[in-house]
Amino acid sequence: MKQKLRFFTAQELAKVLNVHVNTIYNSIKCGMIHACRVGLGKRGSYRIYESDVERMIESDSAAIIEKII
């Protein structure tokens, strides 16, 4: 059976990780969080795979995000 892909928006992920949304955007810009850009121009938004978030939490990247805050 195919597994459904789940995505987070930057706002949803910030809420889950209990950080400010700008922390998520900064982490995306510096490559610590992999995200896909959806939409065009400034009105576009990011989508983050749930599997990438799980991997990030399990790895040392979570500790790196703590340093960004």
C-alpha atoms as a PDB file:
ATOM      1  CA  MET A   1       0.000   0.000   0.000  1.00  0.00           C
ATOM      2  CA  LYS A   2       1.256   3.470  -0.839  1.00  0.00           C
ATOM      3  CA  GLN A   3       2.114   5.681   2.070  1.00  0.00           C
ATOM      4  CA  LYS A   4       0.673   9.193   2.014  1.00  0.00           C
ATOM      5  CA  LEU A   5       3.195  12.000   2.166  1.00  0.00           C
ATOM      6  CA  ARG A   6       2.542  14.523   4.891  1.00  0.00           C
ATOM      7  CA  PHE A   7       3.789  18.067   4.778  1.00  0.00           C
ATOM      8  CA  PHE A   8       4.169  20.862   7.288  1.00  0.00           C
ATOM      9  CA  THR A   9       3.997  24.563   6.543  1.00  0.00           C
ATOM     10  CA  ALA A  10       6.629  26.727   8.201  1.00  0.00           C
ATOM     11  CA  GLN A  11       3.987  27.979  10.634  1.00  0.00           C
ATOM     12  CA  GLU A  12       2.836  24.459  11.547  1.00  0.00           C
ATOM     13  CA  LEU A  13       6.397  23.263  12.079  1.00  0.00           C
ATOM     14  CA  ALA A  14       7.193  26.273  14.263  1.00  0.00           C
ATOM     15  CA  LYS A  15       4.225  25.396  16.434  1.00  0.00           C
ATOM     16  CA  VAL A  16       5.260  21.726  16.701  1.00  0.00           C
ATOM     17  CA  LEU A  17       8.880  22.589  17.569  1.00  0.00           C
ATOM     18  CA  ASN A  18       7.821  25.461  19.818  1.00  0.00           C
ATOM     19  CA  VAL A  19      10.016  28.012  18.023  1.00  0.00           C
ATOM     20  CA  HIS A  20       9.316  31.256  16.189  1.00  0.00           C
ATOM     21  CA  VAL A  21       8.425  30.910  12.504  1.00  0.00           C
ATOM     22  CA  ASN A  22      11.466  33.041  11.593  1.00  0.00           C
ATOM     23  CA  THR A  23      13.655  30.311  13.115  1.00  0.00           C
ATOM     24  CA  ILE A  24      12.139  27.861  10.641  1.00  0.00           C
ATOM     25  CA  TYR A  25      12.687  30.241   7.709  1.00  0.00           C
ATOM     26  CA  ASN A  26      16.309  30.847   8.767  1.00  0.00           C
ATOM     27  CA  SER A  27      16.875  27.088   9.089  1.00  0.00           C
ATOM     28  CA  ILE A  28      15.458  26.574   5.595  1.00  0.00           C
ATOM     29  CA  LYS A  29      17.678  29.326   4.150  1.00  0.00           C
ATOM     30  CA  CYS A  30      20.859  27.886   5.664  1.00  0.00           C
ATOM     31  CA  GLY A  31      19.966  24.327   4.588  1.00  0.00           C
ATOM     32  CA  MET A  32      19.328  22.690   7.951  1.00  0.00           C
ATOM     33  CA  ILE A  33      15.696  22.036   7.032  1.00  0.00           C
ATOM     34  CA  HIS A  34      14.887  20.776   3.546  1.00  0.00           C
ATOM     35  CA  ALA A  35      11.787  22.435   2.109  1.00  0.00           C
ATOM     36  CA  CYS A  36       9.965  22.759  -1.202  1.00  0.00           C
ATOM     37  CA  ARG A  37       8.796  26.149  -2.393  1.00  0.00           C
ATOM     38  CA  VAL A  38       5.151  26.130  -3.491  1.00  0.00           C
ATOM     39  CA  GLY A  39       3.699  29.029  -5.463  1.00  0.00           C
ATOM     40  CA  LEU A  40       5.286  31.989  -7.176  1.00  0.00           C
ATOM     41  CA  GLY A  41       7.072  35.071  -5.954  1.00  0.00           C
ATOM     42  CA  LYS A  42       6.618  36.484  -2.502  1.00  0.00           C
ATOM     43  CA  ARG A  43       3.216  34.846  -2.167  1.00  0.00           C
ATOM     44  CA  GLY A  44       4.773  31.387  -2.362  1.00  0.00           C
ATOM     45  CA  SER A  45       5.234  29.318   0.756  1.00  0.00           C
ATOM     46  CA  TYR A  46       7.336  26.395   1.926  1.00  0.00           C
ATOM     47  CA  ARG A  47       6.320  22.799   2.528  1.00  0.00           C
ATOM     48  CA  ILE A  48       8.458  20.528   4.674  1.00  0.00           C
ATOM     49  CA  TYR A  49       8.206  16.735   4.490  1.00  0.00           C
ATOM     50  CA  GLU A  50       7.211  15.113   7.768  1.00  0.00           C
ATOM     51  CA  SER A  51       9.885  12.456   7.201  1.00  0.00           C
ATOM     52  CA  ASP A  52      12.566  15.182   6.984  1.00  0.00           C
ATOM     53  CA  VAL A  53      11.336  16.666  10.260  1.00  0.00           C
ATOM     54  CA  GLU A  54      11.525  13.252  11.934  1.00  0.00           C
ATOM     55  CA  ARG A  55      15.074  12.736  10.649  1.00  0.00           C
ATOM     56  CA  MET A  56      16.073  16.219  11.799  1.00  0.00           C
ATOM     57  CA  ILE A  57      14.703  15.604  15.294  1.00  0.00           C
ATOM     58  CA  GLU A  58      16.542  12.290  15.545  1.00  0.00           C
ATOM     59  CA  SER A  59      19.828  13.801  14.385  1.00  0.00           C
ATOM     60  CA  ASP A  60      22.031  16.522  15.772  1.00  0.00           C
ATOM     61  CA  SER A  61      20.268  19.126  13.610  1.00  0.00           C
ATOM     62  CA  ALA A  62      17.777  19.664  16.413  1.00  0.00           C
ATOM     63  CA  ALA A  63      20.621  20.781  18.671  1.00  0.00           C
ATOM     64  CA  ILE A  64      21.853  23.134  15.945  1.00  0.00           C
ATOM     65  CA  ILE A  65      18.438  24.781  15.725  1.00  0.00           C
ATOM     66  CA  GLU A  66      18.634  25.433  19.458  1.00  0.00           C
ATOM     67  CA  LYS A  67      21.782  27.482  18.763  1.00  0.00           C
ATOM     68  CA  ILE A  68      20.004  29.576  16.131  1.00  0.00           C
ATOM     69  CA  ILE A  69      17.368  30.688  18.619  1.00  0.00           C
END
